[in-house]
Protein backbone atom coordinates (compact mmCIF):
# COMPACT_ATOMS: atom_id res chain seq x y z
CA MET A 1 -0.04 -0.46 0.17
CA GLU A 2 1.31 3.70 -1.05
CA THR A 3 1.87 6.31 1.77
CA THR A 4 3.04 9.98 1.25
CA LYS A 5 4.24 12.29 4.33
CA VAL A 6 5.26 16.06 4.45
CA VAL A 7 8.90 16.04 6.33
CA LEU A 8 10.44 19.89 6.71
CA GLY A 9 13.20 20.19 8.30
CA ASN A 10 14.66 23.87 9.07
CA VAL A 11 13.75 25.29 5.91
CA ARG A 12 14.35 22.82 3.37
CA GLY A 13 11.53 18.95 2.86
CA GLU A 14 10.88 16.28 1.05
CA VAL A 15 7.23 14.77 0.37
CA GLN A 16 7.65 11.82 0.75
CA LEU A 17 6.15 8.46 -1.54
CA PHE A 18 6.48 5.07 0.65
CA SER A 19 5.24 1.54 -0.42
CA ASP A 20 5.60 -0.99 1.43
CA ASP A 21 7.49 0.92 3.80
CA LYS A 22 10.06 1.55 1.05
CA LYS A 23 10.61 4.74 -0.31
CA ILE A 24 9.97 4.69 -3.73
CA GLY A 25 9.75 8.73 -4.82
CA LYS A 26 10.15 12.24 -3.41
CA MET A 27 9.64 15.92 -4.03
CA ASP A 28 12.38 18.38 -2.91
CA ILE A 29 10.87 21.16 -0.89
CA SER A 30 11.67 24.00 1.16
CA VAL A 31 9.57 26.66 2.71
CA ILE A 32 9.66 29.93 3.74
CA GLY A 33 7.43 32.70 4.71
CA ASN A 34 3.75 30.86 3.19
CA LYS A 35 5.64 30.57 -0.25
CA LEU A 36 6.65 26.44 -0.55
CA THR A 37 9.24 25.90 -3.19
CA VAL A 38 8.57 22.53 -5.08
CA TYR A 39 11.76 22.07 -6.77
CA HIS A 40 12.05 18.38 -8.10
CA THR A 41 10.15 15.09 -8.35
CA GLU A 42 11.16 11.14 -8.64
CA VAL A 43 9.85 8.17 -8.57
CA ASP A 44 12.24 4.58 -8.87
CA ASP A 45 12.93 3.51 -12.32
CA GLU A 46 10.93 0.40 -11.26
CA TYR A 47 7.53 2.00 -10.25
CA ALA A 48 7.52 4.67 -13.10
CA GLY A 49 4.22 5.57 -15.04
CA ASN A 50 1.87 4.40 -12.05
CA GLY A 51 0.61 8.00 -11.71
CA PHE A 52 3.14 8.16 -8.30
CA ALA A 53 4.22 11.23 -9.24
CA LYS A 54 0.57 12.30 -8.72
CA LEU A 55 0.69 11.12 -5.90
CA LEU A 56 3.09 13.30 -4.83
CA LEU A 57 1.80 16.42 -6.32
CA ASN A 58 -1.43 15.76 -4.33
CA GLN A 59 0.07 15.03 -1.14
CA LEU A 60 2.11 18.45 -2.12
CA VAL A 61 -1.31 20.11 -2.63
CA SER A 62 -3.36 19.21 0.43
CA TYR A 63 -0.38 20.44 2.18
CA ALA A 64 -0.13 23.84 0.83
CA ARG A 65 -3.55 24.16 1.25
CA GLU A 66 -3.57 23.20 5.06
CA ASN A 67 -0.99 25.36 5.19
CA ASN A 68 -2.26 28.41 4.06
CA LEU A 69 1.09 28.43 1.38
CA LYS A 70 1.30 29.05 -2.18
CA ILE A 71 3.37 26.94 -4.85
CA VAL A 72 5.82 28.26 -7.02
CA PRO A 73 6.78 25.45 -9.19
CA LEU A 74 10.10 25.00 -10.41
CA CYS A 75 10.00 21.54 -11.15
CA PRO A 76 9.67 20.83 -14.72
CA TYR A 77 7.00 18.23 -13.39
CA VAL A 78 4.39 20.28 -11.23
CA HIS A 79 4.75 22.78 -13.79
CA ALA A 80 3.67 21.19 -16.08
CA GLN A 81 0.59 19.89 -14.30
CA PHE A 82 -0.59 23.72 -13.20
CA LYS A 83 -0.25 24.69 -17.12
CA ARG A 84 -2.82 21.77 -17.84
CA ASN A 85 -5.00 21.91 -14.99
CA PRO A 86 -5.11 25.61 -13.98
CA GLU A 87 -8.35 25.25 -12.47
CA GLU A 88 -7.34 22.60 -10.09
CA TYR A 89 -4.56 24.40 -9.38
CA ASN A 90 -5.08 28.20 -9.07
CA ASP A 91 -5.97 28.06 -5.32
CA VAL A 92 -2.70 27.42 -4.77
CA TRP A 93 -0.32 28.91 -7.88
CA LEU A 94 2.02 31.56 -7.25
CA LYS A 95 2.67 32.74 -10.10
CA GLU A 96 5.48 34.71 -10.58
CA ASP A 97 6.88 37.33 -13.50
């Protein structure tokens, strides 16, 4: 069974994805003030193509909503998802010019 959790240190942290207690993916993030920046998403090769990056994204967005944060999508995957589905993410997407 897959589970996700947000692990934040001082400012930097990860959204982690586990399958049967084995870490199989992560998003590198930082939180400063009300800005949550996501830098990178990765899922182990053997689990790629099964929607696990989307599970990570869902956890990231839920965390941002629960904590009144705006997401800066520097990660190409997250940015692409935000651009493809703006209506789903407009409330948490911090569009910087």
